[in-house]
Amino acid sequence: MIHALQTDSPLGPITLAASTLGLCGVWFDNQKHGPTEAQRQQWTEDAQHPVLLSAAAHVQAHLGGQALPWPGPLDLSAGTAFQQSVWRALLNIPAGQSRTYGDLAKQLGKPLAFRAVGAAVGRNPVSILVPCHRVMGAGGQLTGYAGGLWRKQALLKLEGHGFAQRAPALLSE
């Protein structure tokens, strides 16, 4: 059973989801590769679920400039073994830093799999807390973000990434 909670944020509404194993989803409204309406219909809205309440507070703190690692349980089982390995690798990218798709592919021992890494990054079900926004193109350029490129820029700016000087002032400073 999946429990869900909708929360507002400076970057737009966010849906959080938790399974019995832990947090399994953090999606912006209309995010690519997010849950379908049919999937959402099967979830139980739960404004008192402890993992969801903790995740909502953590997301708000993150969007307030406190980019701390998610301390709670994660359930990444919705992905393939390869996707899960990519999502776990994302957890090792510190705030304020970035990696390229090629860097992640090499880290995973599959240096030619940078496109597959990119596809897995794009399907990350736990946005913000599994920091896929910290992945850049080969030349350090911004590349797509399932939640929208403007959100990626805002998240990087919040974290003090070197790219911040080119990011728009979307959040209060």
C-alpha atoms as a PDB file:
ATOM      1  CA  MET A   1       0.000   0.000   0.000  1.00  0.00           C
ATOM      2  CA  ILE A   2       1.217   3.467  -0.903  1.00  0.00           C
ATOM      3  CA  HIS A   3       0.464   6.437   1.344  1.00  0.00           C
ATOM      4  CA  ALA A   4       0.606   9.929  -0.141  1.00  0.00           C
ATOM      5  CA  LEU A   5       0.741  13.523   0.972  1.00  0.00           C
ATOM      6  CA  GLN A   6       0.506  16.688  -1.101  1.00  0.00           C
ATOM      7  CA  THR A   7       2.539  19.678   0.081  1.00  0.00           C
ATOM      8  CA  ASP A   8       3.166  23.153  -1.257  1.00  0.00           C
ATOM      9  CA  SER A   9       6.658  24.459  -1.864  1.00  0.00           C
ATOM     10  CA  PRO A  10       8.332  27.555  -3.307  1.00  0.00           C
ATOM     11  CA  LEU A  11       8.855  25.503  -6.484  1.00  0.00           C
ATOM     12  CA  GLY A  12       5.249  24.362  -6.769  1.00  0.00           C
ATOM     13  CA  PRO A  13       3.089  21.572  -5.362  1.00  0.00           C
ATOM     14  CA  ILE A  14       4.859  18.332  -4.487  1.00  0.00           C
ATOM     15  CA  THR A  15       3.447  14.852  -3.979  1.00  0.00           C
ATOM     16  CA  LEU A  16       5.211  12.626  -1.484  1.00  0.00           C
ATOM     17  CA  ALA A  17       4.683   8.861  -1.376  1.00  0.00           C
ATOM     18  CA  ALA A  18       5.718   6.167   1.086  1.00  0.00           C
ATOM     19  CA  SER A  19       5.510   2.404   1.033  1.00  0.00           C
ATOM     20  CA  THR A  20       5.965   0.052   3.960  1.00  0.00           C
ATOM     21  CA  LEU A  21       9.716   0.153   3.192  1.00  0.00           C
ATOM     22  CA  GLY A  22      10.130   3.940   3.227  1.00  0.00           C
ATOM     23  CA  LEU A  23       9.889   7.075   1.136  1.00  0.00           C
ATOM     24  CA  CYS A  24       9.320   6.029  -2.475  1.00  0.00           C
ATOM     25  CA  GLY A  25       8.331   9.247  -4.209  1.00  0.00           C
ATOM     26  CA  VAL A  26       8.841  13.005  -4.289  1.00  0.00           C
ATOM     27  CA  TRP A  27       7.382  14.516  -7.450  1.00  0.00           C
ATOM     28  CA  PHE A  28       6.535  18.021  -8.567  1.00  0.00           C
ATOM     29  CA  ASP A  29       3.109  18.355 -10.150  1.00  0.00           C
ATOM     30  CA  ASN A  30       3.282  17.517 -13.881  1.00  0.00           C
ATOM     31  CA  GLN A  31       6.799  16.094 -13.548  1.00  0.00           C
ATOM     32  CA  LYS A  32       7.911  13.814 -16.381  1.00  0.00           C
ATOM     33  CA  HIS A  33       7.958  10.155 -15.380  1.00  0.00           C
ATOM     34  CA  GLY A  34       5.814  10.870 -12.322  1.00  0.00           C
ATOM     35  CA  PRO A  35       2.960   8.655 -11.210  1.00  0.00           C
ATOM     36  CA  THR A  36      -0.068   8.347 -13.445  1.00  0.00           C
ATOM     37  CA  GLU A  37      -3.494   9.450 -12.311  1.00  0.00           C
ATOM     38  CA  ALA A  38      -4.551   5.784 -12.215  1.00  0.00           C
ATOM     39  CA  GLN A  39      -1.659   5.020  -9.853  1.00  0.00           C
ATOM     40  CA  ARG A  40      -2.520   7.987  -7.634  1.00  0.00           C
ATOM     41  CA  GLN A  41      -6.128   6.816  -7.407  1.00  0.00           C
ATOM     42  CA  GLN A  42      -4.946   3.634  -5.710  1.00  0.00           C
ATOM     43  CA  TRP A  43      -2.953   5.490  -3.044  1.00  0.00           C
ATOM     44  CA  THR A  44      -4.201   6.414   0.409  1.00  0.00           C
ATOM     45  CA  GLU A  45      -4.000  10.093   1.311  1.00  0.00           C
ATOM     46  CA  ASP A  46      -2.400  10.203   4.748  1.00  0.00           C
ATOM     47  CA  ALA A  47      -1.611  13.568   6.342  1.00  0.00           C
ATOM     48  CA  GLN A  48      -0.408  11.818   9.524  1.00  0.00           C
ATOM     49  CA  HIS A  49       2.017   9.271   8.056  1.00  0.00           C
ATOM     50  CA  PRO A  50       5.314   9.717   9.962  1.00  0.00           C
ATOM     51  CA  VAL A  51       7.630   9.142   6.961  1.00  0.00           C
ATOM     52  CA  LEU A  52       5.607  11.560   4.833  1.00  0.00           C
ATOM     53  CA  LEU A  53       5.520  14.218   7.549  1.00  0.00           C
ATOM     54  CA  SER A  54       9.258  13.881   8.021  1.00  0.00           C
ATOM     55  CA  ALA A  55       9.865  14.017   4.262  1.00  0.00           C
ATOM     56  CA  ALA A  56       7.651  17.099   3.887  1.00  0.00           C
ATOM     57  CA  ALA A  57       9.602  18.889   6.632  1.00  0.00           C
ATOM     58  CA  HIS A  58      12.893  17.777   5.083  1.00  0.00           C
ATOM     59  CA  VAL A  59      11.903  19.016   1.611  1.00  0.00           C
ATOM     60  CA  GLN A  60      10.829  22.368   3.065  1.00  0.00           C
ATOM     61  CA  ALA A  61      14.147  22.669   4.936  1.00  0.00           C
ATOM     62  CA  HIS A  62      16.021  21.762   1.753  1.00  0.00           C
ATOM     63  CA  LEU A  63      14.139  24.410  -0.201  1.00  0.00           C
ATOM     64  CA  GLY A  64      14.939  26.835   2.610  1.00  0.00           C
ATOM     65  CA  GLY A  65      18.648  26.329   1.990  1.00  0.00           C
ATOM     66  CA  GLN A  66      19.422  23.390   4.295  1.00  0.00           C
ATOM     67  CA  ALA A  67      20.561  20.708   1.852  1.00  0.00           C
ATOM     68  CA  LEU A  68      20.968  17.862   4.320  1.00  0.00           C
ATOM     69  CA  PRO A  69      20.890  14.182   3.325  1.00  0.00           C
ATOM     70  CA  TRP A  70      17.565  12.421   3.842  1.00  0.00           C
ATOM     71  CA  PRO A  71      17.973  10.466   7.082  1.00  0.00           C
ATOM     72  CA  GLY A  72      14.906   8.278   6.751  1.00  0.00           C
ATOM     73  CA  PRO A  73      14.262   5.003   4.979  1.00  0.00           C
ATOM     74  CA  LEU A  74      14.161   4.999   1.180  1.00  0.00           C
ATOM     75  CA  ASP A  75      12.288   2.551  -1.012  1.00  0.00           C
ATOM     76  CA  LEU A  76      13.825   2.631  -4.491  1.00  0.00           C
ATOM     77  CA  SER A  77      12.392  -0.751  -5.481  1.00  0.00           C
ATOM     78  CA  ALA A  78      10.269   0.712  -8.291  1.00  0.00           C
ATOM     79  CA  GLY A  79      13.347   0.770 -10.518  1.00  0.00           C
ATOM     80  CA  THR A  80      15.422  -1.886 -12.197  1.00  0.00           C
ATOM     81  CA  ALA A  81      18.627  -3.024 -10.484  1.00  0.00           C
ATOM     82  CA  PHE A  82      20.597  -0.664 -12.755  1.00  0.00           C
ATOM     83  CA  GLN A  83      18.294   2.294 -12.036  1.00  0.00           C
ATOM     84  CA  GLN A  84      18.554   1.624  -8.312  1.00  0.00           C
ATOM     85  CA  SER A  85      22.352   1.610  -8.535  1.00  0.00           C
ATOM     86  CA  VAL A  86      22.272   4.976 -10.316  1.00  0.00           C
ATOM     87  CA  TRP A  87      19.856   6.436  -7.753  1.00  0.00           C
ATOM     88  CA  ARG A  88      22.073   5.231  -4.897  1.00  0.00           C
ATOM     89  CA  ALA A  89      25.088   6.824  -6.606  1.00  0.00           C
ATOM     90  CA  LEU A  90      23.218  10.145  -6.706  1.00  0.00           C
ATOM     91  CA  LEU A  91      23.060  10.078  -2.908  1.00  0.00           C
ATOM     92  CA  ASN A  92      26.862  10.440  -2.832  1.00  0.00           C
ATOM     93  CA  ILE A  93      26.961  13.777  -4.672  1.00  0.00           C
ATOM     94  CA  PRO A  94      27.411  16.475  -2.011  1.00  0.00           C
ATOM     95  CA  ALA A  95      25.364  19.668  -2.029  1.00  0.00           C
ATOM     96  CA  GLY A  96      27.088  22.407  -3.997  1.00  0.00           C
ATOM     97  CA  GLN A  97      28.823  19.880  -6.250  1.00  0.00           C
ATOM     98  CA  SER A  98      27.868  18.113  -9.446  1.00  0.00           C
ATOM     99  CA  ARG A  99      28.811  15.088 -11.502  1.00  0.00           C
ATOM    100  CA  THR A 100      28.366  14.308 -15.163  1.00  0.00           C
ATOM    101  CA  TYR A 101      26.484  11.332 -16.554  1.00  0.00           C
ATOM    102  CA  GLY A 102      29.883   9.987 -17.629  1.00  0.00           C
ATOM    103  CA  ASP A 103      31.254  10.363 -14.102  1.00  0.00           C
ATOM    104  CA  LEU A 104      28.377   8.298 -12.743  1.00  0.00           C
ATOM    105  CA  ALA A 105      28.779   5.679 -15.471  1.00  0.00           C
ATOM    106  CA  LYS A 106      32.481   5.303 -14.588  1.00  0.00           C
ATOM    107  CA  GLN A 107      31.686   5.178 -10.878  1.00  0.00           C
ATOM    108  CA  LEU A 108      29.294   2.294 -11.577  1.00  0.00           C
ATOM    109  CA  GLY A 109      31.953   0.443 -13.578  1.00  0.00           C
ATOM    110  CA  LYS A 110      30.089   0.956 -16.860  1.00  0.00           C
ATOM    111  CA  PRO A 111      31.961   3.843 -18.542  1.00  0.00           C
ATOM    112  CA  LEU A 112      30.092   3.539 -21.845  1.00  0.00           C
ATOM    113  CA  ALA A 113      26.650   3.518 -20.211  1.00  0.00           C
ATOM    114  CA  PHE A 114      26.330   7.299 -19.814  1.00  0.00           C
ATOM    115  CA  ARG A 115      23.110   7.399 -21.859  1.00  0.00           C
ATOM    116  CA  ALA A 116      21.566   4.635 -19.740  1.00  0.00           C
ATOM    117  CA  VAL A 117      22.686   6.545 -16.648  1.00  0.00           C
ATOM    118  CA  GLY A 118      20.963   9.637 -18.062  1.00  0.00           C
ATOM    119  CA  ALA A 119      17.744   7.707 -18.606  1.00  0.00           C
ATOM    120  CA  ALA A 120      17.888   6.361 -15.031  1.00  0.00           C
ATOM    121  CA  VAL A 121      18.595   9.816 -13.602  1.00  0.00           C
ATOM    122  CA  GLY A 122      15.550  11.161 -15.454  1.00  0.00           C
ATOM    123  CA  ARG A 123      13.345   8.516 -13.869  1.00  0.00           C
ATOM    124  CA  ASN A 124      14.496   9.131 -10.312  1.00  0.00           C
ATOM    125  CA  PRO A 125      11.299   8.814  -8.253  1.00  0.00           C
ATOM    126  CA  VAL A 126      12.594  10.755  -5.228  1.00  0.00           C
ATOM    127  CA  SER A 127      13.377  14.223  -6.579  1.00  0.00           C
ATOM    128  CA  ILE A 128      15.291  16.693  -4.444  1.00  0.00           C
ATOM    129  CA  LEU A 129      16.224  14.152  -1.737  1.00  0.00           C
ATOM    130  CA  VAL A 130      17.912  11.787  -4.209  1.00  0.00           C
ATOM    131  CA  PRO A 131      19.694  14.699  -5.876  1.00  0.00           C
ATOM    132  CA  CYS A 132      19.420  14.088  -9.607  1.00  0.00           C
ATOM    133  CA  HIS A 133      19.501  17.872 -10.080  1.00  0.00           C
ATOM    134  CA  ARG A 134      23.251  17.708  -9.348  1.00  0.00           C
ATOM    135  CA  VAL A 135      23.975  15.863 -12.609  1.00  0.00           C
ATOM    136  CA  MET A 136      25.236  17.903 -15.559  1.00  0.00           C
ATOM    137  CA  GLY A 137      26.121  17.295 -19.166  1.00  0.00           C
ATOM    138  CA  ALA A 138      29.655  16.342 -20.242  1.00  0.00           C
ATOM    139  CA  GLY A 139      30.820  19.951 -20.547  1.00  0.00           C
ATOM    140  CA  GLY A 140      29.238  20.987 -17.267  1.00  0.00           C
ATOM    141  CA  GLN A 141      26.171  22.393 -19.017  1.00  0.00           C
ATOM    142  CA  LEU A 142      22.674  22.145 -17.625  1.00  0.00           C
ATOM    143  CA  THR A 143      20.726  19.311 -19.118  1.00  0.00           C
ATOM    144  CA  GLY A 144      17.129  18.254 -18.695  1.00  0.00           C
ATOM    145  CA  TYR A 145      15.364  17.809 -15.398  1.00  0.00           C
ATOM    146  CA  ALA A 146      12.093  15.911 -15.119  1.00  0.00           C
ATOM    147  CA  GLY A 147      10.683  18.628 -12.852  1.00  0.00           C
ATOM    148  CA  GLY A 148      11.638  21.411 -15.276  1.00  0.00           C
ATOM    149  CA  LEU A 149      14.992  23.037 -15.982  1.00  0.00           C
ATOM    150  CA  TRP A 150      14.041  26.170 -14.040  1.00  0.00           C
ATOM    151  CA  ARG A 151      13.598  24.029 -10.921  1.00  0.00           C
ATOM    152  CA  LYS A 152      16.998  22.424 -11.463  1.00  0.00           C
ATOM    153  CA  GLN A 153      18.542  25.892 -11.651  1.00  0.00           C
ATOM    154  CA  ALA A 154      16.742  26.974  -8.474  1.00  0.00           C
ATOM    155  CA  LEU A 155      17.851  23.851  -6.566  1.00  0.00           C
ATOM    156  CA  LEU A 156      21.462  24.331  -7.625  1.00  0.00           C
ATOM    157  CA  LYS A 157      21.314  27.976  -6.609  1.00  0.00           C
ATOM    158  CA  LEU A 158      19.954  27.050  -3.179  1.00  0.00           C
ATOM    159  CA  GLU A 159      22.859  24.662  -2.696  1.00  0.00           C
ATOM    160  CA  GLY A 160      25.458  27.269  -3.641  1.00  0.00           C
ATOM    161  CA  HIS A 161      26.526  25.461  -6.787  1.00  0.00           C
ATOM    162  CA  GLY A 162      28.989  27.319  -9.002  1.00  0.00           C
ATOM    163  CA  PHE A 163      26.288  27.423 -11.646  1.00  0.00           C
ATOM    164  CA  ALA A 164      24.256  29.705  -9.340  1.00  0.00           C
ATOM    165  CA  GLN A 165      25.390  32.949 -10.932  1.00  0.00           C
ATOM    166  CA  ARG A 166      23.547  31.951 -14.113  1.00  0.00           C
ATOM    167  CA  ALA A 167      20.413  30.709 -12.319  1.00  0.00           C
ATOM    168  CA  PRO A 168      17.398  33.034 -12.084  1.00  0.00           C
ATOM    169  CA  ALA A 169      16.409  34.502  -8.742  1.00  0.00           C
ATOM    170  CA  LEU A 170      13.409  32.262  -8.204  1.00  0.00           C
ATOM    171  CA  LEU A 171      13.526  31.926  -4.447  1.00  0.00           C
ATOM    172  CA  SER A 172      13.877  34.559  -1.775  1.00  0.00           C
ATOM    173  CA  GLU A 173      17.475  35.191  -0.863  1.00  0.00           C
END
